[in-house]
Amino acid sequence: KINDGEIFCNNCSHHVNIINGIPRFINQDNYTDNFGFQWNIHSKAQLDSFTKLSITHDRLFNVTGWKQDLRGEKILEVGSGAGRFTEVLLESGAEVTSFDSSNAVVANYNNNFNKGKLNLFQGDILNLPLRKQSYDKVLCFGMLQHTPDPYTSFLKLIEMVRSGGCVAIDIYKKNYLSYLQWKYFLRP
């Protein structure tokens, strides 16, 4: 394991920085900075292991309808934040590839690096460094609406799932009452 360094491709001369054990395929400073700040400050707030509740576990399996034993499954988690769903997926036995465009990947790493098979990186949904059709399942909760191009981002997710696989996506409800939620007052 490389803590700090660089990966260099001899074929295309592309290089990727590794900072604090996490490959960084994009600049650390980008439009998602405030999300990264939020998830690093409140890194454990939504973890079931911290709250001693099953809110994230229940949401994941109730919304997706997936079985709770995911051993042998390769799952791509898009927009991981501090790793609340990463934790549940790892506990289910899945091999998880997880990324976020913000530096919230640091919180995810700190929360989950030792809980199972986790491949974690900081990257851009529109320019994924992953092989297409490589995952049994793709999970993207509460993130698509924050991308510069939600439609194209959605299509990129579809490219990642194997034939016969499953993509689970949710987005925030867009109505007047949704704008009265606390997060819209706190995030700015």
N, C-alpha and C. Protein backbone atom coordinates (compact mmCIF):
# COMPACT_ATOMS: atom_id res chain seq x y z
N LYS A 1 0.84 -1.18 0.00
CA LYS A 1 0.00 0.00 0.00
C LYS A 1 0.89 1.24 0.00
N ILE A 2 0.53 2.18 -0.86
CA ILE A 2 1.26 3.44 -0.96
C ILE A 2 0.49 4.51 -0.22
N ASN A 3 1.12 5.16 0.74
CA ASN A 3 0.44 6.22 1.49
C ASN A 3 0.48 7.55 0.73
N ASP A 4 1.64 7.95 0.27
CA ASP A 4 1.80 9.16 -0.53
C ASP A 4 2.75 8.86 -1.67
N GLY A 5 2.36 9.23 -2.87
CA GLY A 5 3.20 8.96 -4.02
C GLY A 5 2.47 9.25 -5.31
N GLU A 6 2.82 8.47 -6.33
CA GLU A 6 2.27 8.72 -7.65
C GLU A 6 2.21 7.42 -8.43
N ILE A 7 1.13 7.25 -9.18
CA ILE A 7 1.00 6.14 -10.12
C ILE A 7 1.25 6.73 -11.49
N PHE A 8 2.07 6.05 -12.28
CA PHE A 8 2.42 6.55 -13.61
C PHE A 8 2.15 5.46 -14.64
N CYS A 9 1.43 5.80 -15.71
CA CYS A 9 1.12 4.86 -16.79
C CYS A 9 2.18 4.99 -17.89
N ASN A 10 2.88 3.90 -18.17
CA ASN A 10 3.90 3.91 -19.22
C ASN A 10 3.29 4.03 -20.62
N ASN A 11 2.05 3.59 -20.79
CA ASN A 11 1.42 3.64 -22.11
C ASN A 11 0.97 5.03 -22.50
N CYS A 12 0.34 5.75 -21.57
CA CYS A 12 -0.24 7.05 -21.93
C CYS A 12 0.43 8.23 -21.22
N SER A 13 1.41 7.96 -20.37
CA SER A 13 2.14 8.99 -19.61
C SER A 13 1.26 9.74 -18.62
N HIS A 14 0.10 9.21 -18.30
CA HIS A 14 -0.78 9.84 -17.31
C HIS A 14 -0.25 9.50 -15.91
N HIS A 15 -0.36 10.45 -15.00
CA HIS A 15 0.01 10.18 -13.62
C HIS A 15 -1.13 10.56 -12.68
N VAL A 16 -1.18 9.84 -11.57
CA VAL A 16 -2.22 10.05 -10.56
C VAL A 16 -1.52 10.17 -9.21
N ASN A 17 -1.84 11.22 -8.50
CA ASN A 17 -1.28 11.41 -7.16
C ASN A 17 -2.01 10.52 -6.16
N ILE A 18 -1.25 9.99 -5.21
CA ILE A 18 -1.82 9.27 -4.08
C ILE A 18 -1.51 10.11 -2.85
N ILE A 19 -2.57 10.54 -2.17
CA ILE A 19 -2.41 11.39 -0.98
C ILE A 19 -3.16 10.73 0.16
N ASN A 20 -2.46 10.48 1.25
CA ASN A 20 -3.04 9.80 2.42
C ASN A 20 -3.68 8.47 2.05
N GLY A 21 -3.03 7.73 1.16
CA GLY A 21 -3.50 6.40 0.78
C GLY A 21 -4.62 6.37 -0.23
N ILE A 22 -5.02 7.54 -0.77
CA ILE A 22 -6.17 7.61 -1.68
C ILE A 22 -5.73 8.15 -3.03
N PRO A 23 -5.90 7.37 -4.12
CA PRO A 23 -5.62 7.90 -5.45
C PRO A 23 -6.55 9.08 -5.77
N ARG A 24 -5.98 10.15 -6.32
CA ARG A 24 -6.74 11.37 -6.62
C ARG A 24 -6.72 11.59 -8.13
N PHE A 25 -7.80 11.22 -8.80
CA PHE A 25 -7.89 11.34 -10.25
C PHE A 25 -8.36 12.72 -10.70
N ILE A 26 -8.67 13.59 -9.73
CA ILE A 26 -9.07 14.97 -10.03
C ILE A 26 -8.39 15.89 -9.03
N ASN A 27 -8.47 17.19 -9.29
CA ASN A 27 -7.95 18.16 -8.34
C ASN A 27 -8.75 18.07 -7.05
N GLN A 28 -8.07 18.21 -5.95
CA GLN A 28 -8.77 18.15 -4.67
C GLN A 28 -9.70 19.34 -4.49
N ASP A 29 -9.38 20.47 -5.06
CA ASP A 29 -10.23 21.65 -4.97
C ASP A 29 -11.13 21.69 -6.19
N ASN A 30 -12.45 21.59 -5.97
CA ASN A 30 -13.40 21.62 -7.08
C ASN A 30 -14.76 22.06 -6.55
N TYR A 31 -15.77 21.99 -7.40
CA TYR A 31 -17.09 22.49 -7.04
C TYR A 31 -17.72 21.77 -5.85
N THR A 32 -17.14 20.67 -5.40
CA THR A 32 -17.71 19.92 -4.29
C THR A 32 -17.01 20.20 -2.96
N ASP A 33 -16.22 21.24 -2.90
CA ASP A 33 -15.45 21.54 -1.69
C ASP A 33 -16.31 21.60 -0.43
N ASN A 34 -17.47 22.27 -0.51
CA ASN A 34 -18.28 22.42 0.71
C ASN A 34 -18.85 21.08 1.18
N PHE A 35 -19.09 20.14 0.24
CA PHE A 35 -19.53 18.81 0.66
C PHE A 35 -18.41 18.08 1.40
N GLY A 36 -17.20 18.16 0.85
CA GLY A 36 -16.06 17.53 1.51
C GLY A 36 -15.83 18.10 2.89
N PHE A 37 -15.92 19.42 3.01
CA PHE A 37 -15.77 20.08 4.30
C PHE A 37 -16.82 19.55 5.28
N GLN A 38 -18.07 19.49 4.84
CA GLN A 38 -19.16 19.03 5.68
C GLN A 38 -18.92 17.59 6.16
N TRP A 39 -18.55 16.70 5.24
CA TRP A 39 -18.41 15.29 5.61
C TRP A 39 -17.15 15.01 6.41
N ASN A 40 -16.14 15.85 6.30
CA ASN A 40 -14.97 15.66 7.14
C ASN A 40 -15.19 16.21 8.54
N ILE A 41 -15.98 17.26 8.68
CA ILE A 41 -16.33 17.79 10.01
C ILE A 41 -17.29 16.85 10.73
N HIS A 42 -18.28 16.34 10.02
CA HIS A 42 -19.31 15.47 10.61
C HIS A 42 -19.15 14.05 10.06
N SER A 43 -17.96 13.52 10.15
CA SER A 43 -17.62 12.27 9.47
C SER A 43 -18.34 11.04 9.99
N LYS A 44 -18.81 11.07 11.20
CA LYS A 44 -19.47 9.89 11.76
C LYS A 44 -20.97 10.06 11.96
N ALA A 45 -21.49 11.23 11.67
CA ALA A 45 -22.88 11.56 12.01
C ALA A 45 -23.91 10.60 11.43
N GLN A 46 -23.65 10.02 10.27
CA GLN A 46 -24.64 9.14 9.65
C GLN A 46 -24.25 7.66 9.68
N LEU A 47 -23.16 7.33 10.35
CA LEU A 47 -22.73 5.93 10.41
C LEU A 47 -23.57 5.17 11.42
N ASP A 48 -24.13 4.06 10.98
CA ASP A 48 -24.90 3.22 11.90
C ASP A 48 -24.04 2.75 13.07
N SER A 49 -22.76 2.47 12.82
CA SER A 49 -21.88 2.01 13.89
C SER A 49 -21.67 3.08 14.95
N PHE A 50 -21.81 4.34 14.58
CA PHE A 50 -21.63 5.44 15.53
C PHE A 50 -22.95 5.77 16.23
N THR A 51 -24.04 5.84 15.47
CA THR A 51 -25.33 6.22 16.06
C THR A 51 -26.00 5.07 16.80
N LYS A 52 -25.53 3.84 16.54
CA LYS A 52 -26.13 2.63 17.11
C LYS A 52 -27.58 2.45 16.64
N LEU A 53 -27.89 3.02 15.49
CA LEU A 53 -29.20 2.86 14.86
C LEU A 53 -28.98 2.12 13.53
N SER A 54 -30.05 1.74 12.87
CA SER A 54 -29.93 1.03 11.59
C SER A 54 -30.52 1.86 10.44
N ILE A 55 -30.45 3.16 10.56
CA ILE A 55 -31.08 4.05 9.57
C ILE A 55 -30.49 3.84 8.18
N THR A 56 -29.17 3.84 8.06
CA THR A 56 -28.53 3.68 6.76
C THR A 56 -28.74 2.27 6.23
N HIS A 57 -28.56 1.27 7.06
CA HIS A 57 -28.80 -0.13 6.66
C HIS A 57 -30.21 -0.29 6.13
N ASP A 58 -31.19 0.19 6.89
CA ASP A 58 -32.59 0.03 6.48
C ASP A 58 -32.88 0.78 5.18
N ARG A 59 -32.36 1.99 5.06
CA ARG A 59 -32.60 2.75 3.83
C ARG A 59 -32.00 2.04 2.62
N LEU A 60 -30.78 1.57 2.76
CA LEU A 60 -30.12 0.90 1.64
C LEU A 60 -30.92 -0.31 1.16
N PHE A 61 -31.27 -1.19 2.06
CA PHE A 61 -31.91 -2.44 1.64
C PHE A 61 -33.39 -2.27 1.35
N ASN A 62 -34.06 -1.33 2.00
CA ASN A 62 -35.47 -1.07 1.67
C ASN A 62 -35.63 -0.41 0.30
N VAL A 63 -34.77 0.53 -0.02
CA VAL A 63 -34.86 1.24 -1.30
C VAL A 63 -34.40 0.36 -2.46
N THR A 64 -33.31 -0.37 -2.28
CA THR A 64 -32.77 -1.17 -3.39
C THR A 64 -33.47 -2.50 -3.57
N GLY A 65 -33.96 -3.07 -2.48
CA GLY A 65 -34.53 -4.42 -2.55
C GLY A 65 -33.45 -5.50 -2.66
N TRP A 66 -32.19 -5.12 -2.46
CA TRP A 66 -31.09 -6.08 -2.56
C TRP A 66 -31.09 -7.01 -1.35
N LYS A 67 -30.58 -8.22 -1.56
CA LYS A 67 -30.41 -9.14 -0.43
C LYS A 67 -29.35 -8.56 0.50
N GLN A 68 -29.41 -8.93 1.76
CA GLN A 68 -28.49 -8.35 2.74
C GLN A 68 -27.15 -9.06 2.80
N ASP A 69 -27.03 -10.21 2.16
CA ASP A 69 -25.75 -10.91 2.05
C ASP A 69 -25.24 -10.67 0.63
N LEU A 70 -24.25 -9.80 0.49
CA LEU A 70 -23.73 -9.43 -0.83
C LEU A 70 -22.34 -10.01 -1.09
N ARG A 71 -22.00 -11.09 -0.37
CA ARG A 71 -20.71 -11.73 -0.60
C ARG A 71 -20.59 -12.15 -2.06
N GLY A 72 -19.41 -11.87 -2.64
CA GLY A 72 -19.16 -12.22 -4.03
C GLY A 72 -19.61 -11.16 -5.02
N GLU A 73 -20.28 -10.12 -4.55
CA GLU A 73 -20.76 -9.05 -5.42
C GLU A 73 -19.74 -7.92 -5.49
N LYS A 74 -19.57 -7.38 -6.69
CA LYS A 74 -18.73 -6.20 -6.88
C LYS A 74 -19.66 -5.00 -7.04
N ILE A 75 -19.52 -4.04 -6.14
CA ILE A 75 -20.43 -2.89 -6.12
C ILE A 75 -19.64 -1.60 -6.30
N LEU A 76 -20.15 -0.74 -7.18
CA LEU A 76 -19.60 0.60 -7.36
C LEU A 76 -20.51 1.57 -6.63
N GLU A 77 -19.93 2.29 -5.66
CA GLU A 77 -20.66 3.30 -4.92
C GLU A 77 -20.20 4.67 -5.41
N VAL A 78 -21.15 5.46 -5.89
CA VAL A 78 -20.85 6.76 -6.51
C VAL A 78 -21.31 7.87 -5.57
N GLY A 79 -20.41 8.76 -5.21
CA GLY A 79 -20.75 9.85 -4.29
C GLY A 79 -20.81 9.35 -2.86
N SER A 80 -19.70 8.84 -2.37
CA SER A 80 -19.68 8.14 -1.08
C SER A 80 -19.82 9.03 0.14
N GLY A 81 -19.51 10.31 0.01
CA GLY A 81 -19.50 11.14 1.21
C GLY A 81 -18.58 10.54 2.24
N ALA A 82 -18.99 10.55 3.50
CA ALA A 82 -18.16 10.03 4.59
C ALA A 82 -18.21 8.51 4.70
N GLY A 83 -18.99 7.85 3.85
CA GLY A 83 -18.98 6.40 3.81
C GLY A 83 -20.08 5.70 4.57
N ARG A 84 -21.22 6.36 4.73
CA ARG A 84 -22.31 5.70 5.47
C ARG A 84 -22.79 4.44 4.76
N PHE A 85 -22.96 4.48 3.44
CA PHE A 85 -23.39 3.29 2.71
C PHE A 85 -22.22 2.35 2.48
N THR A 86 -21.01 2.89 2.37
CA THR A 86 -19.81 2.07 2.24
C THR A 86 -19.75 1.09 3.40
N GLU A 87 -19.97 1.61 4.60
CA GLU A 87 -19.91 0.78 5.81
C GLU A 87 -20.88 -0.39 5.73
N VAL A 88 -22.11 -0.12 5.34
CA VAL A 88 -23.14 -1.17 5.27
C VAL A 88 -22.81 -2.17 4.17
N LEU A 89 -22.35 -1.67 3.02
CA LEU A 89 -22.00 -2.57 1.92
C LEU A 89 -20.84 -3.49 2.30
N LEU A 90 -19.84 -2.95 2.97
CA LEU A 90 -18.71 -3.77 3.41
C LEU A 90 -19.16 -4.81 4.43
N GLU A 91 -20.02 -4.41 5.35
CA GLU A 91 -20.53 -5.36 6.35
C GLU A 91 -21.34 -6.48 5.71
N SER A 92 -21.92 -6.21 4.52
CA SER A 92 -22.72 -7.23 3.83
C SER A 92 -21.83 -8.22 3.09
N GLY A 93 -20.52 -7.97 3.05
CA GLY A 93 -19.58 -8.88 2.41
C GLY A 93 -19.20 -8.51 0.99
N ALA A 94 -19.72 -7.41 0.46
CA ALA A 94 -19.43 -7.00 -0.91
C ALA A 94 -18.00 -6.47 -1.04
N GLU A 95 -17.47 -6.57 -2.26
CA GLU A 95 -16.25 -5.84 -2.61
C GLU A 95 -16.71 -4.50 -3.15
N VAL A 96 -16.29 -3.42 -2.52
CA VAL A 96 -16.81 -2.10 -2.82
C VAL A 96 -15.74 -1.21 -3.44
N THR A 97 -16.07 -0.67 -4.60
CA THR A 97 -15.28 0.41 -5.19
C THR A 97 -16.08 1.66 -4.97
N SER A 98 -15.51 2.61 -4.25
CA SER A 98 -16.25 3.79 -3.83
C SER A 98 -15.47 5.04 -4.18
N PHE A 99 -16.19 6.07 -4.61
CA PHE A 99 -15.50 7.34 -4.88
C PHE A 99 -16.42 8.51 -4.63
N ASP A 100 -15.80 9.66 -4.51
CA ASP A 100 -16.49 10.92 -4.36
C ASP A 100 -15.63 11.95 -5.08
N SER A 101 -16.25 12.99 -5.58
CA SER A 101 -15.45 14.04 -6.21
C SER A 101 -14.89 15.01 -5.18
N SER A 102 -15.40 14.96 -3.97
CA SER A 102 -14.90 15.84 -2.91
C SER A 102 -13.86 15.12 -2.07
N ASN A 103 -13.22 15.87 -1.19
CA ASN A 103 -12.25 15.25 -0.29
C ASN A 103 -12.94 14.54 0.88
N ALA A 104 -14.24 14.32 0.78
CA ALA A 104 -14.94 13.48 1.75
C ALA A 104 -14.38 12.06 1.73
N VAL A 105 -13.65 11.71 0.67
CA VAL A 105 -13.03 10.39 0.61
C VAL A 105 -12.08 10.17 1.80
N VAL A 106 -11.56 11.25 2.35
CA VAL A 106 -10.70 11.13 3.53
C VAL A 106 -11.52 10.61 4.71
N ALA A 107 -12.70 11.15 4.91
CA ALA A 107 -13.58 10.67 5.98
C ALA A 107 -13.99 9.22 5.73
N ASN A 108 -14.32 8.90 4.48
CA ASN A 108 -14.69 7.53 4.14
C ASN A 108 -13.53 6.59 4.45
N TYR A 109 -12.33 6.96 4.03
CA TYR A 109 -11.15 6.14 4.30
C TYR A 109 -10.99 5.92 5.82
N ASN A 110 -11.03 6.99 6.57
CA ASN A 110 -10.86 6.88 8.03
C ASN A 110 -11.94 6.03 8.67
N ASN A 111 -13.16 6.09 8.14
CA ASN A 111 -14.27 5.33 8.70
C ASN A 111 -14.27 3.86 8.29
N ASN A 112 -13.72 3.53 7.11
CA ASN A 112 -13.96 2.20 6.55
C ASN A 112 -12.75 1.44 6.03
N PHE A 113 -11.55 1.99 6.11
CA PHE A 113 -10.40 1.35 5.46
C PHE A 113 -10.14 -0.07 5.95
N ASN A 114 -10.54 -0.40 7.16
CA ASN A 114 -10.25 -1.72 7.72
C ASN A 114 -11.47 -2.60 7.88
N LYS A 115 -12.55 -2.32 7.15
CA LYS A 115 -13.79 -3.06 7.36
C LYS A 115 -14.11 -4.08 6.27
N GLY A 116 -13.23 -4.24 5.30
CA GLY A 116 -13.49 -5.21 4.24
C GLY A 116 -12.76 -4.83 2.97
N LYS A 117 -13.23 -5.36 1.86
CA LYS A 117 -12.60 -5.11 0.56
C LYS A 117 -13.08 -3.77 0.00
N LEU A 118 -12.28 -2.73 0.22
CA LEU A 118 -12.63 -1.38 -0.20
C LEU A 118 -11.58 -0.83 -1.15
N ASN A 119 -12.01 -0.42 -2.32
CA ASN A 119 -11.19 0.31 -3.28
C ASN A 119 -11.74 1.72 -3.32
N LEU A 120 -10.97 2.68 -2.87
CA LEU A 120 -11.46 4.04 -2.69
C LEU A 120 -10.61 5.02 -3.48
N PHE A 121 -11.25 5.99 -4.14
CA PHE A 121 -10.51 7.02 -4.85
C PHE A 121 -11.34 8.29 -4.94
N GLN A 122 -10.67 9.38 -5.25
CA GLN A 122 -11.34 10.65 -5.51
C GLN A 122 -11.38 10.82 -7.02
N GLY A 123 -12.58 10.98 -7.58
CA GLY A 123 -12.69 11.03 -9.03
C GLY A 123 -13.92 11.76 -9.51
N ASP A 124 -14.02 11.84 -10.82
CA ASP A 124 -15.07 12.57 -11.52
C ASP A 124 -16.01 11.57 -12.20
N ILE A 125 -17.27 11.65 -11.91
CA ILE A 125 -18.26 10.75 -12.49
C ILE A 125 -18.27 10.81 -14.01
N LEU A 126 -17.88 11.93 -14.58
CA LEU A 126 -17.90 12.08 -16.04
C LEU A 126 -16.61 11.57 -16.69
N ASN A 127 -15.64 11.17 -15.88
CA ASN A 127 -14.37 10.69 -16.41
C ASN A 127 -13.84 9.58 -15.49
N LEU A 128 -14.56 8.48 -15.43
CA LEU A 128 -14.21 7.41 -14.50
C LEU A 128 -13.02 6.58 -14.99
N PRO A 129 -12.07 6.30 -14.09
CA PRO A 129 -10.91 5.49 -14.45
C PRO A 129 -11.19 3.99 -14.23
N LEU A 130 -12.37 3.55 -14.63
CA LEU A 130 -12.81 2.18 -14.36
C LEU A 130 -13.23 1.49 -15.65
N ARG A 131 -13.12 0.18 -15.65
CA ARG A 131 -13.55 -0.61 -16.80
C ARG A 131 -15.07 -0.69 -16.83
N LYS A 132 -15.65 -0.40 -17.97
CA LYS A 132 -17.10 -0.46 -18.13
C LYS A 132 -17.60 -1.89 -17.95
N GLN A 133 -18.84 -2.01 -17.54
CA GLN A 133 -19.52 -3.29 -17.33
C GLN A 133 -18.75 -4.21 -16.39
N SER A 134 -18.21 -3.65 -15.32
CA SER A 134 -17.40 -4.41 -14.37
C SER A 134 -18.07 -4.66 -13.03
N TYR A 135 -19.26 -4.13 -12.83
CA TYR A 135 -19.88 -4.20 -11.50
C TYR A 135 -21.23 -4.89 -11.55
N ASP A 136 -21.49 -5.66 -10.49
CA ASP A 136 -22.79 -6.34 -10.36
C ASP A 136 -23.88 -5.34 -10.01
N LYS A 137 -23.49 -4.34 -9.22
CA LYS A 137 -24.44 -3.33 -8.77
C LYS A 137 -23.76 -1.98 -8.72
N VAL A 138 -24.54 -0.93 -9.01
CA VAL A 138 -24.07 0.44 -8.89
C VAL A 138 -25.03 1.16 -7.97
N LEU A 139 -24.49 1.88 -6.99
CA LEU A 139 -25.30 2.62 -6.02
C LEU A 139 -24.95 4.09 -6.08
N CYS A 140 -25.97 4.93 -6.21
CA CYS A 140 -25.76 6.39 -6.24
C CYS A 140 -26.95 7.05 -5.55
N PHE A 141 -26.79 7.37 -4.29
CA PHE A 141 -27.88 7.96 -3.51
C PHE A 141 -27.57 9.42 -3.20
N GLY A 142 -28.50 10.31 -3.53
CA GLY A 142 -28.44 11.72 -3.15
C GLY A 142 -27.29 12.49 -3.75
N MET A 143 -26.86 12.14 -4.95
CA MET A 143 -25.68 12.78 -5.51
C MET A 143 -25.86 13.31 -6.92
N LEU A 144 -26.60 12.62 -7.77
CA LEU A 144 -26.69 12.99 -9.20
C LEU A 144 -27.10 14.44 -9.42
N GLN A 145 -28.02 14.93 -8.62
CA GLN A 145 -28.52 16.29 -8.81
C GLN A 145 -27.46 17.34 -8.52
N HIS A 146 -26.34 16.95 -7.92
CA HIS A 146 -25.27 17.89 -7.61
C HIS A 146 -24.19 17.95 -8.70
N THR A 147 -24.29 17.10 -9.71
CA THR A 147 -23.28 17.09 -10.76
C THR A 147 -23.56 18.20 -11.77
N PRO A 148 -22.54 18.59 -12.53
CA PRO A 148 -22.74 19.63 -13.54
C PRO A 148 -23.70 19.19 -14.66
N ASP A 149 -23.81 17.87 -14.89
CA ASP A 149 -24.65 17.35 -15.96
C ASP A 149 -25.31 16.04 -15.49
N PRO A 150 -26.44 16.12 -14.77
CA PRO A 150 -27.06 14.91 -14.22
C PRO A 150 -27.42 13.86 -15.26
N TYR A 151 -27.89 14.27 -16.44
CA TYR A 151 -28.28 13.29 -17.46
C TYR A 151 -27.08 12.47 -17.93
N THR A 152 -25.99 13.15 -18.28
CA THR A 152 -24.80 12.45 -18.73
C THR A 152 -24.21 11.62 -17.60
N SER A 153 -24.26 12.14 -16.39
CA SER A 153 -23.77 11.39 -15.22
C SER A 153 -24.56 10.09 -15.06
N PHE A 154 -25.86 10.15 -15.23
CA PHE A 154 -26.71 8.97 -15.16
C PHE A 154 -26.27 7.93 -16.20
N LEU A 155 -26.04 8.38 -17.42
CA LEU A 155 -25.62 7.47 -18.48
C LEU A 155 -24.27 6.82 -18.16
N LYS A 156 -23.37 7.56 -17.52
CA LYS A 156 -22.06 7.01 -17.14
C LYS A 156 -22.23 5.87 -16.13
N LEU A 157 -23.21 5.99 -15.25
CA LEU A 157 -23.45 4.93 -14.27
C LEU A 157 -23.95 3.66 -14.94
N ILE A 158 -24.82 3.81 -15.92
CA ILE A 158 -25.37 2.67 -16.64
C ILE A 158 -24.25 1.89 -17.33
N GLU A 159 -23.23 2.60 -17.83
CA GLU A 159 -22.11 1.95 -18.51
C GLU A 159 -21.29 1.05 -17.57
N MET A 160 -21.36 1.28 -16.28
CA MET A 160 -20.52 0.57 -15.32
C MET A 160 -21.07 -0.79 -14.91
N VAL A 161 -22.36 -1.01 -15.07
CA VAL A 161 -22.98 -2.24 -14.57
C VAL A 161 -22.92 -3.34 -15.63
N ARG A 162 -22.70 -4.56 -15.17
CA ARG A 162 -22.68 -5.74 -16.04
C ARG A 162 -24.08 -6.02 -16.58
N SER A 163 -24.13 -6.74 -17.65
CA SER A 163 -25.41 -7.21 -18.19
C SER A 163 -26.12 -8.03 -17.11
N GLY A 164 -27.37 -7.72 -16.85
CA GLY A 164 -28.13 -8.41 -15.81
C GLY A 164 -27.91 -7.83 -14.42
N GLY A 165 -27.08 -6.79 -14.33
CA GLY A 165 -26.81 -6.17 -13.03
C GLY A 165 -27.90 -5.19 -12.65
N CYS A 166 -27.62 -4.41 -11.61
CA CYS A 166 -28.63 -3.51 -11.06
C CYS A 166 -28.01 -2.14 -10.77
N VAL A 167 -28.75 -1.10 -11.10
CA VAL A 167 -28.35 0.26 -10.77
C VAL A 167 -29.41 0.83 -9.84
N ALA A 168 -29.00 1.34 -8.69
CA ALA A 168 -29.92 1.95 -7.73
C ALA A 168 -29.53 3.41 -7.56
N ILE A 169 -30.46 4.29 -7.91
CA ILE A 169 -30.21 5.73 -7.85
C ILE A 169 -31.40 6.38 -7.16
N ASP A 170 -31.12 7.37 -6.33
CA ASP A 170 -32.20 8.21 -5.85
C ASP A 170 -31.75 9.67 -5.95
N ILE A 171 -32.72 10.53 -6.03
CA ILE A 171 -32.47 11.97 -6.09
C ILE A 171 -33.43 12.63 -5.11
N TYR A 172 -33.12 13.86 -4.76
CA TYR A 172 -33.98 14.58 -3.84
C TYR A 172 -35.27 14.97 -4.54
N LYS A 173 -36.33 14.97 -3.78
CA LYS A 173 -37.61 15.46 -4.27
C LYS A 173 -37.50 16.97 -4.49
N LYS A 174 -37.99 17.44 -5.61
CA LYS A 174 -37.90 18.87 -5.89
C LYS A 174 -39.30 19.48 -5.77
N ASN A 175 -39.57 20.04 -4.62
CA ASN A 175 -40.81 20.76 -4.39
C ASN A 175 -40.55 21.85 -3.35
N TYR A 176 -41.52 22.67 -3.13
CA TYR A 176 -41.36 23.81 -2.24
C TYR A 176 -40.93 23.37 -0.83
N LEU A 177 -41.56 22.33 -0.30
CA LEU A 177 -41.25 21.89 1.06
C LEU A 177 -39.83 21.36 1.20
N SER A 178 -39.29 20.79 0.12
CA SER A 178 -37.93 20.24 0.22
C SER A 178 -36.91 21.35 0.47
N TYR A 179 -37.18 22.57 0.02
CA TYR A 179 -36.25 23.67 0.24
C TYR A 179 -36.30 24.22 1.67
N LEU A 180 -37.23 23.75 2.48
CA LEU A 180 -37.32 24.18 3.87
C LEU A 180 -36.51 23.26 4.80
N GLN A 181 -35.85 22.24 4.25
CA GLN A 181 -35.06 21.33 5.07
C GLN A 181 -33.80 22.04 5.57
N TRP A 182 -33.33 21.64 6.73
CA TRP A 182 -32.19 22.26 7.40
C TRP A 182 -30.94 22.29 6.54
N LYS A 183 -30.74 21.26 5.69
CA LYS A 183 -29.48 21.19 4.94
C LYS A 183 -29.31 22.37 4.00
N TYR A 184 -30.41 22.93 3.49
CA TYR A 184 -30.30 24.05 2.57
C TYR A 184 -29.94 25.35 3.28
N PHE A 185 -30.15 25.38 4.58
CA PHE A 185 -29.76 26.55 5.37
C PHE A 185 -28.34 26.42 5.89
N LEU A 186 -27.93 25.19 6.19
CA LEU A 186 -26.60 24.96 6.76
C LEU A 186 -25.49 24.88 5.73
N ARG A 187 -25.76 24.29 4.56
CA ARG A 187 -24.70 24.08 3.57
C ARG A 187 -24.06 25.34 3.04
N PRO A 188 -24.81 26.40 2.75
CA PRO A 188 -24.11 27.61 2.25
C PRO A 188 -23.11 28.14 3.26
